[in-house]
Each structure stands twice: as structure tokens, then as C-alpha cells.
């Protein structure tokens, strides 16, 4: 039998390396921009304007029109191809829009307006607060449900805590992914990213409970076996089901990511990373954490015993 939970130091180290970029980025972004994550206009408020030209246009050149008009914090980037540019800037009235539009036409020619929307910061703040409260409430309910459902085995509360730890792990992994993509492609946290994160949470908990349920069954069938052995057996028995389910979902998401257009790119990419992280955390984070808690150490029990014998052995 594979000794998966006995290698938990390696799995925990991989998880740490995965979430560390996100933590460092949040610290850096908080000190430089005043927010933990780069927020889109969905949360900060502003205007999003997407234009398609007949000829290729450089985003920096188009953005300079807005800067000359006094909008120094304008962000412009290509969408789909080199003829479609999306610009984000502070809210303006219709008179200001007409002036900027005329300047764009004079410099770059006529264009098709594919998207124009303005949003206030109050809406984004309400959505963020509601999402945070929803995650907290869901975490408490998940903890209570698992503790109740696993009451027949010893220390059911630990299983609930481990499931929440895996949930937090997956959220931090998606944050690390957003941090890297912000530095590479300028991605920002928008409403769809928040939706993707909440979806990832649901997938993560579902996968974790499947393994925990098999552990509960095997504890009855194999009474007297150490929890580590039962956990290894349960992971192996459920691995094929978990991986097959996730691969099927990933194939669909990958197809949408490739052919679904730029508006769904961040959403689909976040879901793909989150689903992979959810599968990993269920097997290599939540279950080893329960075993580590049972044995009272993040180190494998056998390894501790071997080191103890080496330290007490005569020279």
C-alpha cells in the first residue's frame, strides 16, 4: 500500500510553496496600493470601455488619450486580438465621453463600441461583504455538519477542521494564481473571480467529504488498524473516482477557456486552478492533517520513533 500520509511533510511543503506567492503578493500590494489584492472596477468603481478598431492599435497609445484628458490611472490592454482594446478608468459623464471619443476618432479612426459600463464602489463593497459573510457562514455550517455526520468515530471535530483547512488552502492557491497573473498579464480581482472562488470552495469540500466518508467506513471494517493505514487505504480506494470526476470537469473547462473568449478567461482559468488544487488538498492536505492531529505530530510517527531510538542508542 502506498504510504501517502506518511509523506505529509512533502505534501505540506508543496502546499506552502503554492500559497506563499499569494501571501507575499498581498503583503506587497497592501503596502503599495493599500489593498490586499488588485481590485477591478467591480469593487473600486469606475468605467470599462471596450473598442474595436479597423487597424491594430497599441494599448499604450490609446491609453495616452485618456491620460491627456486627466485620467492618469487609466489601464488599457488588448482583448482577443490587436484591434480590440479595453480601457478602465474613473467614471465620467456623457459630455466627457464625447470629448474623449472625438479625440480617439481623430487619432485612430472610427471604432465599434463593444462594451461601455460604469459602476460605483458601493456596489462592489456590498458584494465583497456579502461574499465574506457567506464564506464564514458556510465554513461554520460545514464544520458543524461534519462533526455531526462523523460523530460515530473518535474526534469528529478534527475532520471538520481539516476540511476547512483544505478550503482555505484552495482559496490561497487561487489567490497565488491571481497574483502571478496580475504581474504577468495585469489580471484583477473581479466579480467572476469571486464567483469562481466560491465554486472552488464547493468542489473542495465535496471531494474532501468523499475521502472522509470512506475513512469512516474503513474504520469500522478494519478495527484495530492505525489511522494512517486506514487513511492510505481510503485515499487509494477513492482516488480513481476523484481523479476521473475532476478530469472530466477539467476537459470541459479547458474547452471553454480556449474557445469561450476573453470575458470568461479569468473565470475559467481560476476554476481550473481551483479544481486541481481541490483535488490535491483533499488527498494531500485534509487527510494527512487528520492523521497528523491524531498522532500529535506533523512528522510521521514511525520516523519519530526511529529518531528517538537513534538518540538513545549507545555510542
Protein backbone atom coordinates (compact mmCIF):
# COMPACT_ATOMS: atom_id res chain seq x y z
CA UNK A 1 0.00 0.00 0.00
CA UNK A 2 1.23 3.49 -0.85
CA UNK A 3 2.39 5.39 2.25
CA UNK A 4 0.79 8.70 1.27
CA UNK A 5 0.04 10.23 4.65
CA UNK A 6 3.48 9.24 5.96
CA UNK A 7 4.96 11.63 3.39
CA UNK A 8 2.89 14.53 4.68
CA UNK A 9 5.91 16.76 5.25
CA UNK A 10 6.46 16.78 1.49
CA UNK A 11 2.78 17.48 0.75
CA UNK A 12 2.64 20.29 3.32
CA UNK A 13 5.83 21.78 1.87
CA UNK A 14 4.34 21.76 -1.65
CA UNK A 15 1.21 23.46 -0.30
CA UNK A 16 3.33 26.08 1.43
CA UNK A 17 5.24 26.80 -1.76
CA UNK A 18 1.92 27.12 -3.58
CA UNK A 19 0.33 29.63 -1.21
CA UNK A 20 3.48 31.61 -0.38
CA UNK A 21 3.44 33.74 -3.57
CA UNK A 22 -0.10 34.86 -2.79
CA UNK A 23 0.73 35.78 0.80
CA UNK A 24 3.83 37.75 -0.24
CA UNK A 25 1.90 39.47 -3.01
CA UNK A 26 -0.89 40.52 -0.63
CA UNK A 27 1.67 42.00 1.77
CA UNK A 28 3.38 43.85 -1.08
CA UNK A 29 0.11 45.06 -2.62
CA UNK A 30 -1.19 46.24 0.76
CA UNK A 31 1.94 48.33 1.33
CA UNK A 32 2.00 49.77 -2.20
CA UNK A 33 -1.67 50.07 -3.22
CA UNK A 34 -3.50 49.91 0.12
CA UNK A 35 -5.47 46.75 -0.77
CA UNK A 36 -4.65 43.09 -0.28
CA UNK A 37 -5.42 42.22 -3.91
CA UNK A 38 -5.59 44.16 -7.19
CA UNK A 39 -9.27 45.04 -7.47
CA UNK A 40 -11.13 45.71 -10.69
CA UNK A 41 -13.77 48.38 -11.14
CA UNK A 42 -16.32 45.86 -9.87
CA UNK A 43 -15.05 46.75 -6.39
CA UNK A 44 -13.31 50.11 -6.71
CA UNK A 45 -15.82 51.74 -9.05
CA UNK A 46 -15.04 53.14 -12.49
CA UNK A 47 -15.73 52.79 -16.19
CA UNK A 48 -14.93 49.93 -18.55
CA UNK A 49 -14.82 50.78 -22.25
CA UNK A 50 -14.06 48.22 -24.95
CA UNK A 51 -13.42 49.36 -28.51
CA UNK A 52 -12.67 47.53 -31.76
CA UNK A 53 -10.74 49.34 -34.49
CA UNK A 54 -10.27 48.56 -38.17
CA UNK A 55 -6.47 48.61 -37.75
CA UNK A 56 -4.17 47.35 -34.96
CA UNK A 57 -3.88 49.78 -32.05
CA UNK A 58 -1.29 49.83 -29.30
CA UNK A 59 -2.92 49.93 -25.82
CA UNK A 60 -0.33 52.42 -24.55
CA UNK A 61 -1.10 54.80 -27.41
CA UNK A 62 -4.83 54.59 -26.79
CA UNK A 63 -4.33 54.98 -23.06
CA UNK A 64 -2.37 58.18 -23.64
CA UNK A 65 -5.57 59.83 -24.92
CA UNK A 66 -7.18 59.27 -21.53
CA UNK A 67 -4.06 60.38 -19.67
CA UNK A 68 -4.01 63.63 -21.67
CA UNK A 69 -7.66 64.12 -20.67
CA UNK A 70 -6.69 63.93 -16.99
CA UNK A 71 -7.31 60.25 -16.23
CA UNK A 72 -3.79 59.34 -15.14
CA UNK A 73 -4.75 55.98 -13.59
CA UNK A 74 -6.10 54.59 -16.88
CA UNK A 75 -5.36 50.96 -17.75
CA UNK A 76 -5.54 49.81 -21.38
CA UNK A 77 -4.92 46.31 -22.71
CA UNK A 78 -5.66 44.15 -25.74
CA UNK A 79 -8.64 41.79 -25.81
CA UNK A 80 -8.88 38.85 -28.24
CA UNK A 81 -6.64 40.44 -30.91
CA UNK A 82 -4.53 43.53 -31.64
CA UNK A 83 -7.54 45.52 -32.89
CA UNK A 84 -9.68 45.27 -29.75
CA UNK A 85 -8.66 47.33 -26.73
CA UNK A 86 -10.32 47.56 -23.33
CA UNK A 87 -9.78 50.65 -21.19
CA UNK A 88 -10.53 51.05 -17.47
CA UNK A 89 -10.60 54.46 -15.82
CA UNK A 90 -12.58 56.63 -13.40
CA UNK A 91 -16.24 57.37 -14.00
CA UNK A 92 -17.05 60.17 -16.45
CA UNK A 93 -20.20 61.89 -17.62
CA UNK A 94 -21.53 61.75 -21.18
CA UNK A 95 -20.04 65.12 -22.12
CA UNK A 96 -16.55 63.95 -21.13
CA UNK A 97 -17.10 60.72 -23.01
CA UNK A 98 -17.98 62.58 -26.20
CA UNK A 99 -14.80 64.68 -25.94
CA UNK A 100 -12.60 61.59 -25.44
CA UNK A 101 -14.40 59.70 -28.18
CA UNK A 102 -13.75 62.53 -30.63
CA UNK A 103 -10.06 62.56 -29.71
CA UNK A 104 -9.83 58.79 -30.26
CA UNK A 105 -11.51 59.02 -33.67
CA UNK A 106 -9.17 61.82 -34.76
CA UNK A 107 -6.09 59.83 -33.78
CA UNK A 108 -7.05 56.22 -34.55
CA UNK A 109 -10.11 56.40 -36.79
CA UNK A 110 -13.65 55.16 -36.31
CA UNK A 111 -14.29 52.24 -33.94
CA UNK A 112 -17.08 49.95 -32.81
CA UNK A 113 -18.09 50.26 -29.17
CA UNK A 114 -18.33 46.67 -27.91
CA UNK A 115 -18.81 47.45 -24.22
CA UNK A 116 -19.33 50.51 -22.05
CA UNK A 117 -20.32 50.29 -18.40
CA UNK A 118 -19.86 52.29 -15.22
CA UNK A 119 -20.15 51.03 -11.68
CA UNK A 120 -19.94 52.67 -8.27
CA UNK A 121 -17.68 51.44 -5.46
CA UNK A 122 -20.61 50.96 -3.08
CA UNK A 123 -21.92 48.01 -5.10
CA UNK A 124 -18.56 46.29 -5.04
CA UNK A 125 -18.23 46.79 -1.29
CA UNK A 126 -21.67 45.26 -0.71
CA UNK A 127 -20.82 42.25 -2.88
CA UNK A 128 -17.49 41.71 -1.10
CA UNK A 129 -19.08 41.91 2.33
CA UNK A 130 -21.88 39.53 1.35
CA UNK A 131 -19.39 37.04 -0.10
CA UNK A 132 -17.22 37.15 3.01
CA UNK A 133 -20.21 36.57 5.28
CA UNK A 134 -21.35 33.73 3.03
CA UNK A 135 -17.95 32.00 3.25
CA UNK A 136 -17.83 32.38 7.04
CA UNK A 137 -21.38 31.06 7.45
CA UNK A 138 -20.70 28.17 5.06
CA UNK A 139 -17.50 27.26 6.94
CA UNK A 140 -19.33 27.17 10.27
CA UNK A 141 -22.11 25.04 8.80
CA UNK A 142 -19.62 22.67 7.15
CA UNK A 143 -17.76 22.29 10.43
CA UNK A 144 -20.99 21.57 12.31
CA UNK A 145 -22.27 19.15 9.66
CA UNK A 146 -19.06 17.10 9.51
CA UNK A 147 -18.81 16.97 13.29
CA UNK A 148 -22.40 15.69 13.42
CA UNK A 149 -22.10 13.28 10.49
CA UNK A 150 -18.89 11.73 11.84
CA UNK A 151 -19.98 11.61 15.48
CA UNK A 152 -19.70 7.79 15.48
CA UNK A 153 -15.90 7.92 15.20
CA UNK A 154 -13.43 9.46 17.60
CA UNK A 155 -12.64 13.17 17.34
CA UNK A 156 -15.16 14.10 14.60
CA UNK A 157 -14.39 17.78 15.11
CA UNK A 158 -10.92 17.23 13.68
CA UNK A 159 -12.37 16.15 10.35
CA UNK A 160 -14.36 19.37 10.12
CA UNK A 161 -11.33 21.50 10.92
CA UNK A 162 -9.26 19.62 8.32
CA UNK A 163 -11.97 20.22 5.68
CA UNK A 164 -11.96 23.95 6.46
CA UNK A 165 -8.14 23.96 6.30
CA UNK A 166 -8.31 22.39 2.82
CA UNK A 167 -10.90 25.01 1.83
CA UNK A 168 -8.62 27.85 2.96
CA UNK A 169 -5.71 26.16 1.17
CA UNK A 170 -7.61 26.20 -2.13
CA UNK A 171 -8.61 29.85 -1.74
CA UNK A 172 -4.98 30.82 -1.09
CA UNK A 173 -3.85 28.82 -4.12
CA UNK A 174 -6.29 30.73 -6.34
CA UNK A 175 -5.06 33.99 -4.80
CA UNK A 176 -1.47 32.98 -5.63
CA UNK A 177 -2.55 32.25 -9.18
CA UNK A 178 -4.23 35.66 -9.48
CA UNK A 179 -1.12 37.32 -8.03
CA UNK A 180 1.14 35.74 -10.62
CA UNK A 181 -1.24 36.53 -13.48
CA UNK A 182 -1.55 40.13 -12.26
CA UNK A 183 2.20 40.54 -12.57
CA UNK A 184 2.31 38.77 -15.95
CA UNK A 185 -0.91 39.89 -17.68
CA UNK A 186 -2.38 42.52 -15.37
CA UNK A 187 -5.36 40.42 -14.24
CA UNK A 188 -7.51 41.91 -11.48
CA UNK A 189 -9.99 40.50 -9.00
CA UNK A 190 -13.45 40.96 -10.47
CA UNK A 191 -16.91 39.60 -9.76
CA UNK A 192 -16.30 36.49 -11.87
CA UNK A 193 -13.12 35.68 -9.93
CA UNK A 194 -15.13 35.83 -6.73
CA UNK A 195 -17.76 33.53 -8.26
CA UNK A 196 -15.03 31.10 -9.34
CA UNK A 197 -13.53 31.09 -5.84
CA UNK A 198 -16.89 30.29 -4.24
CA UNK A 199 -17.36 27.46 -6.76
CA UNK A 200 -13.91 26.09 -5.92
CA UNK A 201 -14.85 26.04 -2.24
CA UNK A 202 -17.84 23.84 -3.02
CA UNK A 203 -15.79 21.41 -5.09
CA UNK A 204 -13.06 21.26 -2.45
CA UNK A 205 -15.40 20.35 0.39
CA UNK A 206 -17.22 17.78 -1.74
CA UNK A 207 -14.01 15.93 -2.62
CA UNK A 208 -12.78 16.02 0.98
CA UNK A 209 -16.01 14.61 2.40
CA UNK A 210 -15.88 11.70 -0.07
CA UNK A 211 -12.49 10.62 1.31
CA UNK A 212 -13.53 11.22 4.92
CA UNK A 213 -16.64 9.13 4.41
CA UNK A 214 -14.54 6.24 3.12
CA UNK A 215 -12.25 6.60 6.15
CA UNK A 216 -15.30 6.31 8.38
CA UNK A 217 -16.38 3.12 6.61
CA UNK A 218 -12.90 1.58 6.74
CA UNK A 219 -12.53 2.35 10.43
CA UNK A 220 -15.46 0.00 11.01
CA UNK A 221 -14.21 -2.68 8.63
CA UNK A 222 -10.61 -2.68 9.80
CA UNK A 223 -10.86 -2.18 13.53
CA UNK A 224 -7.52 -2.01 15.27
CA UNK A 225 -5.59 -0.70 12.28
CA UNK A 226 -3.71 2.60 12.77
CA UNK A 227 -5.46 5.64 11.36
CA UNK A 228 -2.57 6.23 8.95
CA UNK A 229 -3.10 2.82 7.35
CA UNK A 230 -6.85 3.32 7.15
CA UNK A 231 -6.34 6.77 5.61
CA UNK A 232 -3.95 5.39 2.97
CA UNK A 233 -6.41 2.65 2.11
CA UNK A 234 -9.28 5.15 1.82
CA UNK A 235 -7.33 7.51 -0.43
CA UNK A 236 -6.40 4.70 -2.81
CA UNK A 237 -9.99 3.41 -2.93
CA UNK A 238 -11.43 6.84 -3.77
CA UNK A 239 -8.58 8.18 -5.92
CA UNK A 240 -9.89 6.78 -9.19
CA UNK A 241 -13.34 8.25 -8.63
CA UNK A 242 -11.99 11.65 -7.59
CA UNK A 243 -9.49 11.94 -10.43
CA UNK A 244 -11.94 10.73 -13.09
CA UNK A 245 -14.56 13.25 -11.94
CA UNK A 246 -12.11 16.14 -11.91
CA UNK A 247 -10.54 15.26 -15.27
CA UNK A 248 -13.98 15.25 -16.89
CA UNK A 249 -14.74 18.68 -15.46
CA UNK A 250 -11.30 19.99 -16.41
CA UNK A 251 -11.74 18.96 -20.04
CA UNK A 252 -14.94 20.99 -20.28
CA UNK A 253 -13.38 23.99 -18.54
CA UNK A 254 -10.30 23.84 -20.77
CA UNK A 255 -12.52 23.88 -23.88
CA UNK A 256 -14.40 26.93 -22.59
CA UNK A 257 -11.10 28.61 -21.67
CA UNK A 258 -9.78 28.16 -25.20
CA UNK A 259 -12.93 28.95 -27.18
CA UNK A 260 -15.04 30.97 -24.75
CA UNK A 261 -13.50 34.38 -25.37
CA UNK A 262 -11.70 36.88 -23.19
CA UNK A 263 -14.65 37.71 -20.95
CA UNK A 264 -14.58 34.20 -19.45
CA UNK A 265 -10.80 33.75 -19.42
CA UNK A 266 -10.15 34.74 -15.80
CA UNK A 267 -13.21 32.84 -14.59
CA UNK A 268 -12.31 29.60 -16.39
CA UNK A 269 -8.61 29.75 -15.55
CA UNK A 270 -9.42 30.30 -11.87
CA UNK A 271 -11.82 27.35 -11.89
CA UNK A 272 -9.20 25.08 -13.48
CA UNK A 273 -6.55 26.02 -10.92
CA UNK A 274 -9.08 25.72 -8.09
CA UNK A 275 -10.28 22.28 -9.16
CA UNK A 276 -6.74 20.95 -9.41
CA UNK A 277 -5.97 22.46 -6.01
CA UNK A 278 -9.19 21.00 -4.56
CA UNK A 279 -8.26 17.50 -5.68
CA UNK A 280 -4.77 17.92 -4.27
CA UNK A 281 -5.89 19.35 -0.93
CA UNK A 282 -8.46 16.59 -0.36
CA UNK A 283 -5.82 13.90 -0.76
CA UNK A 284 -2.61 15.56 0.38
CA UNK A 285 -3.75 18.24 2.83
CA UNK A 286 -7.01 17.40 4.60
CA UNK A 287 -6.43 13.67 5.15
CA UNK A 288 -2.76 13.93 6.24
CA UNK A 289 -3.79 16.76 8.57
CA UNK A 290 -6.28 14.49 10.35
CA UNK A 291 -3.62 11.79 10.73
CA UNK A 292 -1.04 14.32 11.94
CA UNK A 293 -3.51 15.59 14.54
CA UNK A 294 -4.25 12.03 15.67
CA UNK A 295 -0.54 11.21 16.02
CA UNK A 296 0.23 14.56 17.60
CA UNK A 297 2.92 15.49 15.10
CA UNK A 298 3.35 16.71 11.56
CA UNK A 299 6.13 14.16 11.27
CA UNK A 300 5.31 10.51 10.56
CA UNK A 301 5.02 8.51 13.75
CA UNK A 302 7.45 5.83 12.61
CA UNK A 303 10.12 8.38 11.77
CA UNK A 304 9.82 9.91 15.21
CA UNK A 305 10.32 6.54 16.84
CA UNK A 306 13.38 5.80 14.73
CA UNK A 307 14.99 9.11 15.64
CA UNK A 308 14.24 8.53 19.30
CA UNK A 309 15.99 5.12 19.20
CA UNK A 310 18.98 6.65 17.43
CA UNK A 311 19.30 9.35 20.07
CA UNK A 312 19.14 6.87 22.99
CA UNK A 313 21.39 4.23 21.38
CA UNK A 314 24.86 3.83 23.00
CA UNK A 315 27.76 5.39 21.13
